[in-house]
N, C-alpha and C. Protein backbone atom coordinates (compact mmCIF):
# COMPACT_ATOMS: atom_id res chain seq x y z
N MET A 1 -0.82 39.54 6.83
CA MET A 1 -1.54 39.15 7.71
C MET A 1 -2.96 39.07 7.07
N VAL A 2 -3.49 37.78 7.43
CA VAL A 2 -4.95 37.54 7.06
C VAL A 2 -5.60 37.48 8.22
N LEU A 3 -6.83 38.19 8.32
CA LEU A 3 -7.72 38.04 9.53
C LEU A 3 -8.99 37.70 8.98
N ARG A 4 -9.74 36.59 9.52
CA ARG A 4 -11.04 36.17 9.23
C ARG A 4 -12.12 36.62 10.03
N TRP A 5 -13.40 36.95 9.79
CA TRP A 5 -14.16 37.46 10.59
C TRP A 5 -14.34 36.62 11.87
N SER A 6 -14.19 35.26 11.64
CA SER A 6 -14.41 34.24 12.69
C SER A 6 -13.14 34.31 13.64
N ASP A 7 -12.09 35.10 13.30
CA ASP A 7 -10.99 35.09 14.07
C ASP A 7 -10.95 36.30 15.17
N ALA A 8 -12.17 37.08 15.06
CA ALA A 8 -12.28 38.20 15.81
C ALA A 8 -12.18 37.89 17.34
N PRO A 9 -13.21 37.03 17.77
CA PRO A 9 -12.88 36.90 19.29
C PRO A 9 -11.77 36.41 19.87
N THR A 10 -10.72 35.89 19.00
CA THR A 10 -9.41 35.58 19.55
C THR A 10 -8.50 36.63 19.72
N TRP A 11 -8.70 37.89 19.01
CA TRP A 11 -8.00 38.89 19.23
C TRP A 11 -7.65 39.31 20.57
N PRO A 12 -6.62 40.13 20.67
CA PRO A 12 -6.17 40.36 22.29
C PRO A 12 -6.96 41.76 22.60
N VAL A 13 -8.14 41.70 22.56
CA VAL A 13 -9.19 42.91 22.95
C VAL A 13 -10.10 42.21 23.72
N ARG A 14 -10.12 42.84 24.82
CA ARG A 14 -11.12 42.27 25.97
C ARG A 14 -12.44 42.86 25.64
N SER A 15 -12.71 43.99 25.06
CA SER A 15 -14.03 44.43 24.55
C SER A 15 -13.83 45.65 23.66
N ALA A 16 -14.73 46.00 22.79
CA ALA A 16 -14.43 47.16 21.87
C ALA A 16 -14.12 48.44 22.67
N GLY A 17 -14.71 48.58 23.80
CA GLY A 17 -14.37 49.84 24.56
C GLY A 17 -13.24 49.77 25.47
N ASP A 18 -12.63 48.62 25.64
CA ASP A 18 -11.46 48.59 26.61
C ASP A 18 -10.31 48.38 25.84
N ARG A 19 -9.55 49.67 25.84
CA ARG A 19 -8.29 49.66 25.05
C ARG A 19 -7.12 50.13 26.09
N GLU A 20 -7.13 49.54 27.17
CA GLU A 20 -6.04 49.66 28.23
C GLU A 20 -5.24 48.47 28.13
N TRP A 21 -4.10 48.49 28.02
CA TRP A 21 -3.00 47.38 27.68
C TRP A 21 -1.89 47.60 29.07
N THR A 22 -1.37 46.59 29.55
CA THR A 22 -0.26 46.45 30.34
C THR A 22 0.86 45.97 29.61
N ASP A 23 2.10 46.53 29.66
CA ASP A 23 3.19 45.84 28.90
C ASP A 23 4.01 45.24 30.18
N LYS A 24 5.15 44.57 29.74
CA LYS A 24 5.93 43.72 30.42
C LYS A 24 6.30 44.49 31.82
N GLU A 25 6.50 45.54 31.94
CA GLU A 25 6.83 46.39 33.31
C GLU A 25 5.64 46.86 33.96
N GLY A 26 4.44 46.44 33.49
CA GLY A 26 3.29 46.87 34.33
C GLY A 26 2.78 48.21 34.03
N THR A 27 3.31 48.85 32.98
CA THR A 27 2.81 50.22 32.67
C THR A 27 1.66 50.12 31.77
N LYS A 28 0.73 50.95 32.08
CA LYS A 28 -0.56 50.78 31.30
C LYS A 28 -0.67 51.77 30.13
N GLU A 29 -0.90 51.49 28.88
CA GLU A 29 -1.17 52.38 27.97
C GLU A 29 -2.57 52.23 27.08
N GLU A 30 -2.90 53.31 26.59
CA GLU A 30 -3.87 52.98 25.65
C GLU A 30 -3.63 52.98 24.18
N THR A 31 -4.25 52.05 23.64
CA THR A 31 -3.84 51.85 22.18
C THR A 31 -5.15 51.26 21.52
N ASN A 32 -5.05 51.62 20.29
CA ASN A 32 -6.12 51.10 19.17
C ASN A 32 -5.45 50.33 18.21
N MET A 33 -5.95 49.05 17.90
CA MET A 33 -5.29 48.24 16.89
C MET A 33 -5.34 48.81 15.61
N PHE A 34 -6.45 49.23 15.09
CA PHE A 34 -6.90 49.90 13.93
C PHE A 34 -7.43 51.29 14.22
N MET A 35 -7.11 52.23 13.39
CA MET A 35 -7.42 53.59 13.40
C MET A 35 -8.48 54.02 11.98
N HIS A 36 -7.83 53.46 11.08
CA HIS A 36 -8.36 53.76 9.72
C HIS A 36 -8.64 52.58 8.79
N ILE A 37 -9.99 52.35 8.44
CA ILE A 37 -10.23 51.34 7.66
C ILE A 37 -10.92 51.56 6.23
N LEU A 38 -10.15 50.85 5.39
CA LEU A 38 -10.76 50.97 3.96
C LEU A 38 -11.81 50.02 3.70
N LEU A 39 -12.85 50.50 3.08
CA LEU A 39 -13.96 49.72 2.72
C LEU A 39 -14.36 49.64 1.30
N PRO A 40 -13.46 48.74 0.42
CA PRO A 40 -13.87 48.52 -0.81
C PRO A 40 -15.19 48.19 -1.17
N THR A 41 -15.76 48.53 -2.27
CA THR A 41 -17.22 48.14 -2.68
C THR A 41 -17.35 47.77 -4.16
N ASP A 42 -18.02 46.80 -4.57
CA ASP A 42 -18.41 46.73 -5.94
C ASP A 42 -19.86 46.81 -6.12
N GLY A 43 -20.71 47.12 -5.10
CA GLY A 43 -22.00 47.21 -5.05
C GLY A 43 -22.78 45.93 -4.96
N SER A 44 -22.17 44.80 -4.82
CA SER A 44 -22.88 43.49 -4.74
C SER A 44 -23.58 43.50 -3.27
N PRO A 45 -24.53 42.53 -3.23
CA PRO A 45 -24.96 42.50 -1.91
C PRO A 45 -24.21 42.17 -0.71
N LEU A 46 -23.32 41.22 -1.12
CA LEU A 46 -22.13 40.83 -0.21
C LEU A 46 -21.37 41.82 0.13
N SER A 47 -20.83 42.58 -0.81
CA SER A 47 -20.05 43.90 -0.69
C SER A 47 -20.67 44.75 0.38
N GLU A 48 -21.89 44.91 0.09
CA GLU A 48 -22.64 45.87 0.96
C GLU A 48 -22.94 45.48 2.38
N ALA A 49 -22.85 44.06 2.49
CA ALA A 49 -22.95 43.41 3.86
C ALA A 49 -21.60 43.64 4.51
N ALA A 50 -20.48 43.54 4.01
CA ALA A 50 -19.20 43.69 4.53
C ALA A 50 -18.94 45.18 4.87
N VAL A 51 -19.64 46.09 4.18
CA VAL A 51 -19.41 47.68 4.62
C VAL A 51 -20.11 47.76 5.69
N ARG A 52 -21.34 47.39 5.85
CA ARG A 52 -22.08 47.48 7.14
C ARG A 52 -21.45 46.93 8.16
N GLN A 53 -20.90 45.69 8.21
CA GLN A 53 -20.12 45.05 9.28
C GLN A 53 -18.79 45.93 9.49
N GLY A 54 -18.07 46.28 8.45
CA GLY A 54 -17.02 47.10 8.67
C GLY A 54 -17.29 48.32 9.38
N ILE A 55 -18.42 48.97 9.08
CA ILE A 55 -18.73 50.23 9.79
C ILE A 55 -19.09 50.13 11.33
N GLN A 56 -19.73 48.64 11.40
CA GLN A 56 -20.01 48.53 13.05
C GLN A 56 -18.71 48.19 13.60
N PHE A 57 -17.72 47.50 12.88
CA PHE A 57 -16.40 47.27 13.52
C PHE A 57 -15.73 48.46 13.98
N ALA A 58 -15.72 49.55 13.01
CA ALA A 58 -15.05 50.75 12.93
C ALA A 58 -15.66 51.63 14.33
N LYS A 59 -17.17 51.63 14.34
CA LYS A 59 -17.67 52.28 15.44
C LYS A 59 -17.15 51.64 16.96
N GLY A 60 -17.15 50.47 16.88
CA GLY A 60 -16.85 49.75 18.30
C GLY A 60 -15.47 50.05 18.61
N ILE A 61 -14.49 50.30 17.65
CA ILE A 61 -13.05 50.49 18.07
C ILE A 61 -12.71 52.01 17.71
N ASN A 62 -13.63 52.90 17.53
CA ASN A 62 -13.66 54.24 17.35
C ASN A 62 -12.43 54.67 16.21
N ALA A 63 -12.62 53.86 15.07
CA ALA A 63 -11.99 54.22 14.03
C ALA A 63 -12.65 54.85 12.90
N LYS A 64 -11.94 55.40 11.91
CA LYS A 64 -12.64 56.22 10.88
C LYS A 64 -12.67 55.22 9.48
N VAL A 65 -13.49 55.40 8.62
CA VAL A 65 -13.50 54.58 7.48
C VAL A 65 -13.39 55.47 6.04
N THR A 66 -12.89 54.80 5.11
CA THR A 66 -12.92 55.09 3.83
C THR A 66 -13.47 54.36 2.71
N GLY A 67 -14.87 54.72 2.26
CA GLY A 67 -15.10 53.89 1.19
C GLY A 67 -14.50 54.04 -0.03
N PHE A 68 -14.57 53.01 -0.87
CA PHE A 68 -13.70 53.13 -2.04
C PHE A 68 -14.11 52.13 -3.12
N TYR A 69 -14.36 52.69 -4.34
CA TYR A 69 -14.92 51.96 -5.56
C TYR A 69 -14.11 52.16 -6.83
N VAL A 70 -13.88 50.93 -7.45
CA VAL A 70 -13.01 50.96 -8.72
C VAL A 70 -13.90 50.93 -9.83
N VAL A 71 -13.70 51.96 -10.84
CA VAL A 71 -14.40 52.13 -11.95
C VAL A 71 -13.54 51.44 -13.04
N PRO A 72 -14.09 50.51 -13.81
CA PRO A 72 -13.34 49.69 -14.78
C PRO A 72 -13.03 50.52 -15.95
N GLU A 73 -11.85 50.33 -16.67
CA GLU A 73 -11.28 51.04 -17.62
C GLU A 73 -12.07 50.75 -18.98
N PHE A 74 -12.14 51.69 -19.84
CA PHE A 74 -12.80 51.66 -21.12
C PHE A 74 -12.03 50.89 -22.10
N HIS A 75 -12.33 49.76 -22.97
CA HIS A 75 -11.65 49.13 -23.83
C HIS A 75 -12.77 48.76 -24.87
N VAL A 76 -12.09 48.84 -26.06
CA VAL A 76 -12.93 48.65 -27.28
C VAL A 76 -12.11 47.78 -28.22
N PHE A 77 -12.80 46.88 -28.92
CA PHE A 77 -11.92 45.99 -29.90
C PHE A 77 -12.97 45.99 -31.36
N THR A 78 -12.91 46.92 -32.05
CA THR A 78 -13.61 47.06 -33.06
C THR A 78 -12.82 47.89 -34.34
N TYR A 79 -13.16 47.60 -35.54
CA TYR A 79 -12.34 48.47 -36.66
C TYR A 79 -13.20 49.66 -37.02
N ARG A 80 -14.51 49.52 -36.49
CA ARG A 80 -15.46 50.80 -36.95
C ARG A 80 -15.69 51.62 -35.94
N THR A 81 -14.73 52.58 -35.57
CA THR A 81 -14.61 53.50 -34.49
C THR A 81 -15.78 54.59 -34.81
N GLU A 82 -16.27 54.78 -35.87
CA GLU A 82 -17.54 55.91 -35.96
C GLU A 82 -18.70 55.33 -35.24
N MET A 83 -18.61 54.11 -34.69
CA MET A 83 -20.08 53.54 -34.15
C MET A 83 -19.72 53.95 -32.65
N LEU A 84 -18.57 54.34 -32.29
CA LEU A 84 -18.32 54.51 -30.82
C LEU A 84 -18.19 55.86 -30.36
N GLU A 85 -18.51 56.75 -31.22
CA GLU A 85 -18.55 58.12 -30.89
C GLU A 85 -19.46 58.49 -29.63
N GLY A 86 -18.78 59.25 -28.70
CA GLY A 86 -19.30 59.48 -27.54
C GLY A 86 -19.52 58.26 -26.30
N THR A 87 -19.32 57.02 -26.97
CA THR A 87 -19.53 55.80 -26.03
C THR A 87 -18.38 55.91 -24.95
N LYS A 88 -17.21 56.17 -25.14
CA LYS A 88 -16.15 56.41 -24.06
C LYS A 88 -16.50 57.32 -23.10
N GLY A 89 -16.88 58.45 -23.45
CA GLY A 89 -17.50 59.55 -22.32
C GLY A 89 -18.62 59.07 -21.73
N GLN A 90 -19.62 58.38 -22.29
CA GLN A 90 -20.79 57.87 -21.68
C GLN A 90 -20.71 57.02 -20.54
N LEU A 91 -19.71 56.10 -21.13
CA LEU A 91 -19.26 54.77 -20.00
C LEU A 91 -18.44 55.53 -18.96
N ALA A 92 -17.71 56.47 -19.24
CA ALA A 92 -16.82 57.15 -17.81
C ALA A 92 -17.80 57.98 -17.08
N LYS A 93 -18.94 58.65 -17.68
CA LYS A 93 -20.08 59.04 -17.04
C LYS A 93 -20.88 58.19 -16.16
N ASP A 94 -21.08 56.91 -16.79
CA ASP A 94 -21.83 56.00 -16.15
C ASP A 94 -20.85 55.24 -15.02
N GLY A 95 -19.66 55.24 -15.11
CA GLY A 95 -18.70 54.89 -13.97
C GLY A 95 -18.84 55.66 -12.73
N ARG A 96 -18.76 56.96 -13.07
CA ARG A 96 -18.77 57.91 -12.15
C ARG A 96 -20.05 57.91 -11.30
N THR A 97 -21.24 57.72 -12.10
CA THR A 97 -22.37 57.71 -11.48
C THR A 97 -22.49 56.34 -10.52
N HIS A 98 -22.10 55.24 -10.92
CA HIS A 98 -22.06 53.95 -10.07
C HIS A 98 -21.30 54.31 -8.90
N ALA A 99 -19.96 55.05 -9.04
CA ALA A 99 -19.18 55.31 -7.77
C ALA A 99 -20.12 56.19 -6.94
N ARG A 100 -20.47 57.14 -7.20
CA ARG A 100 -21.36 57.88 -6.41
C ARG A 100 -22.47 57.14 -5.79
N GLN A 101 -23.29 56.38 -6.39
CA GLN A 101 -24.18 55.70 -6.00
C GLN A 101 -23.94 54.41 -4.90
N TYR A 102 -22.71 53.95 -5.12
CA TYR A 102 -22.25 52.89 -4.33
C TYR A 102 -21.56 53.45 -2.98
N LEU A 103 -20.56 54.56 -3.09
CA LEU A 103 -19.97 55.17 -2.24
C LEU A 103 -21.17 56.06 -1.13
N GLY A 104 -22.25 56.43 -1.85
CA GLY A 104 -23.29 57.09 -1.12
C GLY A 104 -23.88 56.37 0.02
N VAL A 105 -23.94 54.87 -0.37
CA VAL A 105 -24.45 53.87 0.42
C VAL A 105 -23.66 53.53 1.77
N ILE A 106 -22.21 53.93 1.36
CA ILE A 106 -21.32 53.78 2.72
C ILE A 106 -21.26 55.13 3.59
N GLU A 107 -21.40 56.23 2.80
CA GLU A 107 -21.52 57.61 3.55
C GLU A 107 -22.74 57.43 4.43
N ASN A 108 -24.09 57.24 3.99
CA ASN A 108 -25.12 57.17 4.56
C ASN A 108 -24.91 56.01 5.80
N ALA A 109 -24.57 54.90 5.65
CA ALA A 109 -24.14 53.94 6.74
C ALA A 109 -23.48 54.48 7.65
N ALA A 110 -22.29 55.15 7.49
CA ALA A 110 -21.31 55.66 8.50
C ALA A 110 -22.04 56.79 9.20
N LYS A 111 -22.78 57.59 8.51
CA LYS A 111 -23.27 58.79 9.12
C LYS A 111 -24.39 58.23 10.12
N GLU A 112 -25.23 57.15 9.76
CA GLU A 112 -26.18 56.63 10.78
C GLU A 112 -25.36 55.96 12.07
N ALA A 113 -24.35 55.34 11.79
CA ALA A 113 -23.60 54.84 12.97
C ALA A 113 -22.75 55.83 13.67
N GLY A 114 -22.55 57.09 12.96
CA GLY A 114 -21.77 57.94 13.78
C GLY A 114 -20.44 57.71 13.73
N VAL A 115 -19.66 57.24 12.44
CA VAL A 115 -18.56 56.94 12.13
C VAL A 115 -17.98 57.80 10.96
N THR A 116 -16.91 58.55 11.26
CA THR A 116 -16.24 59.45 10.34
C THR A 116 -15.86 58.81 9.10
N CYS A 117 -16.11 59.32 7.84
CA CYS A 117 -16.18 58.61 6.66
C CYS A 117 -15.86 59.56 5.48
N ASP A 118 -14.75 59.11 4.70
CA ASP A 118 -14.47 59.57 3.72
C ASP A 118 -14.65 58.80 2.47
N THR A 119 -14.77 59.20 1.07
CA THR A 119 -14.97 58.17 0.02
C THR A 119 -14.03 58.55 -1.07
N ALA A 120 -13.59 57.67 -2.01
CA ALA A 120 -12.64 58.00 -3.09
C ALA A 120 -12.95 56.86 -4.05
N PHE A 121 -12.69 57.04 -5.29
CA PHE A 121 -12.90 56.05 -6.44
C PHE A 121 -11.59 56.15 -7.39
N ALA A 122 -11.33 55.26 -7.96
CA ALA A 122 -10.21 55.02 -9.01
C ALA A 122 -10.84 54.38 -10.19
N THR A 123 -9.95 54.61 -11.41
CA THR A 123 -10.28 53.92 -12.72
C THR A 123 -9.20 53.03 -12.97
N SER A 124 -9.58 51.72 -12.96
CA SER A 124 -8.28 50.84 -13.17
C SER A 124 -8.75 49.65 -13.87
N ASP A 125 -8.02 48.94 -14.59
CA ASP A 125 -8.11 47.64 -15.03
C ASP A 125 -7.93 46.56 -13.96
N HIS A 126 -7.30 46.64 -12.92
CA HIS A 126 -6.81 45.90 -11.99
C HIS A 126 -7.33 46.54 -10.55
N PRO A 127 -8.53 46.12 -10.17
CA PRO A 127 -9.16 46.75 -8.92
C PRO A 127 -8.36 46.31 -7.78
N TYR A 128 -7.62 45.13 -7.59
CA TYR A 128 -6.87 44.78 -6.45
C TYR A 128 -5.86 45.90 -6.29
N GLU A 129 -5.08 46.31 -7.20
CA GLU A 129 -4.03 47.08 -7.39
C GLU A 129 -4.50 48.52 -6.62
N ALA A 130 -5.59 48.94 -7.44
CA ALA A 130 -6.08 50.25 -6.94
C ALA A 130 -6.62 50.27 -5.49
N ILE A 131 -7.18 49.24 -4.88
CA ILE A 131 -7.71 49.08 -3.66
C ILE A 131 -6.17 49.11 -2.72
N ILE A 132 -5.32 48.54 -3.06
CA ILE A 132 -4.01 48.48 -2.11
C ILE A 132 -3.30 49.78 -2.28
N GLN A 133 -3.40 50.29 -3.42
CA GLN A 133 -2.85 51.82 -3.44
C GLN A 133 -3.69 52.86 -2.57
N ALA A 134 -4.98 52.58 -2.78
CA ALA A 134 -5.67 53.65 -2.06
C ALA A 134 -5.60 53.53 -0.43
N ALA A 135 -5.44 52.01 0.10
CA ALA A 135 -5.18 51.88 1.32
C ALA A 135 -3.94 52.56 1.90
N GLU A 136 -3.01 52.49 0.98
CA GLU A 136 -1.51 53.07 1.19
C GLU A 136 -1.62 54.54 1.34
N LYS A 137 -2.37 54.99 0.17
CA LYS A 137 -2.32 56.69 -0.01
C LYS A 137 -3.13 57.09 1.04
N LYS A 138 -4.16 56.75 1.45
CA LYS A 138 -4.97 57.21 2.53
C LYS A 138 -4.67 56.76 3.97
N GLY A 139 -3.57 56.03 3.97
CA GLY A 139 -3.05 55.88 5.61
C GLY A 139 -3.83 54.67 6.14
N CYS A 140 -4.67 53.89 5.45
CA CYS A 140 -5.43 52.77 6.14
C CYS A 140 -4.66 51.82 6.84
N ASP A 141 -4.99 51.39 7.92
CA ASP A 141 -4.23 50.34 8.76
C ASP A 141 -5.06 48.81 8.80
N LEU A 142 -6.09 48.92 8.09
CA LEU A 142 -7.03 47.53 7.63
C LEU A 142 -7.84 47.77 6.51
N ILE A 143 -7.99 46.83 5.72
CA ILE A 143 -9.10 46.67 4.68
C ILE A 143 -10.09 45.54 5.04
N VAL A 144 -11.27 45.98 4.93
CA VAL A 144 -12.42 45.03 5.18
C VAL A 144 -13.12 45.11 3.78
N MET A 145 -13.19 43.87 3.58
CA MET A 145 -13.77 43.60 2.14
C MET A 145 -14.63 42.18 2.08
N ALA A 146 -15.39 42.05 1.03
CA ALA A 146 -16.21 40.75 0.94
C ALA A 146 -15.42 39.72 0.28
N SER A 147 -15.62 38.42 0.60
CA SER A 147 -15.00 37.47 0.07
C SER A 147 -15.06 37.41 -1.49
N HIS A 148 -15.93 37.77 -2.02
CA HIS A 148 -16.21 37.64 -3.32
C HIS A 148 -17.33 38.79 -3.85
N GLY A 149 -17.34 39.12 -4.96
CA GLY A 149 -18.13 40.22 -5.44
C GLY A 149 -19.06 39.82 -6.68
N LYS A 150 -19.09 40.78 -7.71
CA LYS A 150 -19.86 40.45 -8.88
C LYS A 150 -19.43 39.58 -9.89
N ARG A 151 -18.23 39.11 -9.84
CA ARG A 151 -17.63 38.54 -11.00
C ARG A 151 -18.05 36.97 -11.07
N GLY A 152 -18.67 36.31 -10.05
CA GLY A 152 -18.96 35.19 -10.10
C GLY A 152 -18.18 34.12 -10.53
N VAL A 153 -18.58 33.13 -11.61
CA VAL A 153 -17.71 32.06 -12.21
C VAL A 153 -16.40 32.82 -12.76
N GLN A 154 -16.34 33.83 -13.36
CA GLN A 154 -15.29 34.48 -14.05
C GLN A 154 -14.16 34.77 -12.63
N GLY A 155 -14.64 35.19 -11.69
CA GLY A 155 -13.79 35.46 -10.63
C GLY A 155 -13.06 34.18 -10.11
N ILE A 156 -13.80 33.02 -10.19
CA ILE A 156 -13.26 31.63 -9.77
C ILE A 156 -12.10 31.36 -10.77
N LEU A 157 -12.42 31.62 -12.11
CA LEU A 157 -11.43 31.19 -13.04
C LEU A 157 -10.26 32.08 -13.04
N ILE A 158 -10.21 33.36 -12.78
CA ILE A 158 -9.12 34.07 -13.13
C ILE A 158 -8.69 34.68 -11.43
N GLY A 159 -9.38 34.29 -10.56
CA GLY A 159 -9.05 34.70 -9.27
C GLY A 159 -9.66 35.82 -8.73
N SER A 160 -10.16 35.96 -7.66
CA SER A 160 -11.07 36.92 -7.15
C SER A 160 -10.07 38.12 -6.80
N GLU A 161 -10.65 39.13 -6.79
CA GLU A 161 -9.90 40.70 -6.49
C GLU A 161 -9.50 40.35 -4.91
N THR A 162 -10.43 39.82 -4.07
CA THR A 162 -10.18 39.71 -2.79
C THR A 162 -8.91 38.72 -2.48
N GLN A 163 -8.74 37.79 -3.35
CA GLN A 163 -7.51 36.78 -3.21
C GLN A 163 -6.43 37.54 -3.42
N LYS A 164 -6.53 38.44 -4.59
CA LYS A 164 -5.54 39.25 -5.07
C LYS A 164 -4.96 40.24 -4.14
N VAL A 165 -5.91 40.92 -3.49
CA VAL A 165 -5.63 41.85 -2.23
C VAL A 165 -4.82 41.25 -1.18
N LEU A 166 -5.36 39.93 -0.71
CA LEU A 166 -4.92 39.08 0.25
C LEU A 166 -3.35 38.96 -0.22
N THR A 167 -3.18 38.41 -1.22
CA THR A 167 -1.89 37.96 -1.73
C THR A 167 -0.89 38.99 -1.91
N HIS A 168 -1.33 40.31 -2.15
CA HIS A 168 -0.38 41.27 -2.39
C HIS A 168 -0.29 42.65 -1.48
N SER A 169 -1.16 42.77 -0.65
CA SER A 169 -1.30 43.67 0.48
C SER A 169 -0.42 43.51 1.71
N LYS A 170 0.19 44.52 2.01
CA LYS A 170 1.15 44.47 3.12
C LYS A 170 0.27 45.01 4.42
N ILE A 171 -0.91 45.26 4.15
CA ILE A 171 -1.99 45.95 5.16
C ILE A 171 -2.94 44.86 5.62
N PRO A 172 -3.04 44.60 6.86
CA PRO A 172 -4.04 43.48 6.95
C PRO A 172 -5.55 43.62 6.33
N VAL A 173 -5.88 42.44 6.06
CA VAL A 173 -7.15 42.52 5.46
C VAL A 173 -8.10 41.39 6.14
N LEU A 174 -9.36 41.97 6.53
CA LEU A 174 -10.40 41.30 7.00
C LEU A 174 -11.44 40.91 5.89
N VAL A 175 -11.61 39.69 5.78
CA VAL A 175 -12.45 39.30 4.85
C VAL A 175 -13.79 38.78 5.48
N TYR A 176 -14.96 39.38 4.97
CA TYR A 176 -16.37 39.09 5.38
C TYR A 176 -16.77 38.10 4.28
N ARG A 177 -17.44 37.01 4.86
CA ARG A 177 -18.20 35.90 4.01
C ARG A 177 -19.60 36.24 4.19
């Protein structure tokens, strides 16, 4: 299921606070379409805007959020390994630092909005797979992410992570542009 931000007004929701539905027999029941939203980030400005909008959406429907960041794997192509002593460890440390920084933005925004928030990160060569796995593992029923991130032209050439999430995820994805 693909949901676009512009589709939101056509959803069968009368208002964010109105969660009362009537079934065919006239029985009223209360339901929330989404209860747990995954907010992947790469730290780009558009990704941060998607996170802010996702948190506001979560607040409006009384859902909780999980912020998520994918640290790239370390790969090296050289025959002079002595040049790389400590490099892998330093890059892993830098990746964790970036994860804490980007996830801290999500935690702070959620705290300001009064939304329950958890955070997680993973290391992977394939961010889209890590995002889908995190959503499944955490029990998320919606992924809210930016239409594109830091990859720019490279993302256009090899396909954006958002496009890959849309293609492979069984969980609904709301794309922010």
